């Protein structure tokens, strides 16, 4: 596996699904993915500030309009290396409870 440095996060993009009502352009950037690896954190004057995402988190990152993250091909899979600052949020799935 690729080990990120500093405040970098290795993301496995989740491709958008085609539907009957929505057309997804193949050149459209990914912006939802699963965290596969996390660097130790941002280096500051006070030491290392740990990243606030963890492996397995589903995240939404950037919008692709101003950032161009390269696709990394590793062991037959595609990943993106982004900075923690480019993560907009963690997607929390609602728990389904049966009554």
Protein backbone atom coordinates (compact mmCIF):
# COMPACT_ATOMS: atom_id res chain seq x y z
CA UNK A 1 0.00 0.00 0.00
CA UNK A 2 1.07 3.59 -0.51
CA UNK A 3 1.90 5.38 2.77
CA UNK A 4 0.99 9.08 2.66
CA UNK A 5 3.31 11.67 4.19
CA UNK A 6 2.42 14.76 6.25
CA UNK A 7 -1.24 15.76 5.87
CA UNK A 8 -1.88 13.74 2.71
CA UNK A 9 -4.76 11.28 2.47
CA UNK A 10 -4.96 8.36 0.03
CA UNK A 11 -8.51 8.06 -1.31
CA UNK A 12 -10.17 5.33 -3.35
CA UNK A 13 -12.66 7.27 -5.50
CA UNK A 14 -16.22 6.02 -5.67
CA UNK A 15 -17.37 6.28 -9.30
CA UNK A 16 -20.70 7.94 -9.91
CA UNK A 17 -23.43 5.62 -11.10
CA UNK A 18 -25.33 6.23 -14.30
CA UNK A 19 -29.10 6.61 -14.03
CA UNK A 20 -31.99 7.18 -16.42
CA UNK A 21 -32.44 10.78 -15.28
CA UNK A 22 -28.86 11.92 -14.75
CA UNK A 23 -26.09 11.94 -17.30
CA UNK A 24 -22.57 11.79 -15.88
CA UNK A 25 -19.81 13.05 -18.15
CA UNK A 26 -16.85 10.67 -18.18
CA UNK A 27 -14.41 13.56 -17.73
CA UNK A 28 -16.14 14.70 -14.52
CA UNK A 29 -13.86 14.67 -11.48
CA UNK A 30 -14.39 12.30 -8.56
CA UNK A 31 -15.38 13.94 -5.32
CA UNK A 32 -16.58 11.12 -3.07
CA UNK A 33 -14.31 8.34 -1.91
CA UNK A 34 -13.15 6.05 0.86
CA UNK A 35 -10.03 6.84 2.90
CA UNK A 36 -7.46 4.07 2.38
CA UNK A 37 -4.45 5.55 4.23
CA UNK A 38 -3.68 8.71 6.22
CA UNK A 39 -0.40 10.51 6.79
CA UNK A 40 0.81 11.35 10.31
CA UNK A 41 -0.46 14.93 10.11
CA UNK A 42 0.42 18.54 9.41
CA UNK A 43 3.77 19.71 10.75
CA UNK A 44 3.39 22.92 12.79
CA UNK A 45 5.61 24.89 15.18
CA UNK A 46 3.96 23.01 18.06
CA UNK A 47 4.57 19.58 16.57
CA UNK A 48 2.42 17.32 14.44
CA UNK A 49 -1.29 18.07 14.18
CA UNK A 50 -2.93 14.69 13.43
CA UNK A 51 -5.38 14.33 10.55
CA UNK A 52 -9.04 14.21 11.53
CA UNK A 53 -10.06 11.45 9.11
CA UNK A 54 -9.46 7.74 9.56
CA UNK A 55 -9.06 4.74 7.29
CA UNK A 56 -12.50 3.59 6.17
CA UNK A 57 -14.17 7.02 6.37
CA UNK A 58 -16.32 7.91 3.38
CA UNK A 59 -15.51 11.51 2.45
CA UNK A 60 -16.51 14.30 0.10
CA UNK A 61 -13.54 16.27 -1.18
CA UNK A 62 -13.13 19.37 -3.32
CA UNK A 63 -15.24 19.98 -6.37
CA UNK A 64 -12.65 19.31 -9.06
CA UNK A 65 -13.05 22.74 -10.63
CA UNK A 66 -9.81 24.17 -9.30
CA UNK A 67 -7.85 21.12 -8.20
CA UNK A 68 -6.37 18.47 -10.42
CA UNK A 69 -5.48 15.43 -8.34
CA UNK A 70 -3.64 12.81 -10.30
CA UNK A 71 -5.02 9.30 -10.54
CA UNK A 72 -2.52 6.85 -9.02
CA UNK A 73 -2.57 3.32 -10.43
CA UNK A 74 -1.36 0.78 -7.88
CA UNK A 75 -1.85 -2.99 -7.97
CA UNK A 76 -4.64 -2.70 -10.54
CA UNK A 77 -6.64 -0.12 -8.57
CA UNK A 78 -7.09 3.64 -8.88
CA UNK A 79 -6.43 6.05 -6.01
CA UNK A 80 -6.05 9.79 -5.50
CA UNK A 81 -3.63 11.50 -3.10
CA UNK A 82 -5.18 14.67 -1.67
CA UNK A 83 -4.44 17.02 1.22
CA UNK A 84 -6.60 16.90 4.32
CA UNK A 85 -7.49 20.58 3.75
CA UNK A 86 -9.24 19.58 0.51
CA UNK A 87 -11.70 17.34 2.38
CA UNK A 88 -15.08 19.04 2.76
CA UNK A 89 -16.53 16.50 5.19
CA UNK A 90 -17.07 12.95 6.33
CA UNK A 91 -20.21 11.28 5.01
CA UNK A 92 -22.03 9.63 7.88
CA UNK A 93 -24.55 7.02 6.83
CA UNK A 94 -27.81 6.99 8.75
CA UNK A 95 -28.35 3.89 10.82
CA UNK A 96 -31.50 2.08 9.82
CA UNK A 97 -33.47 0.94 12.84
CA UNK A 98 -36.34 -1.49 12.60
CA UNK A 99 -39.21 -1.03 15.02
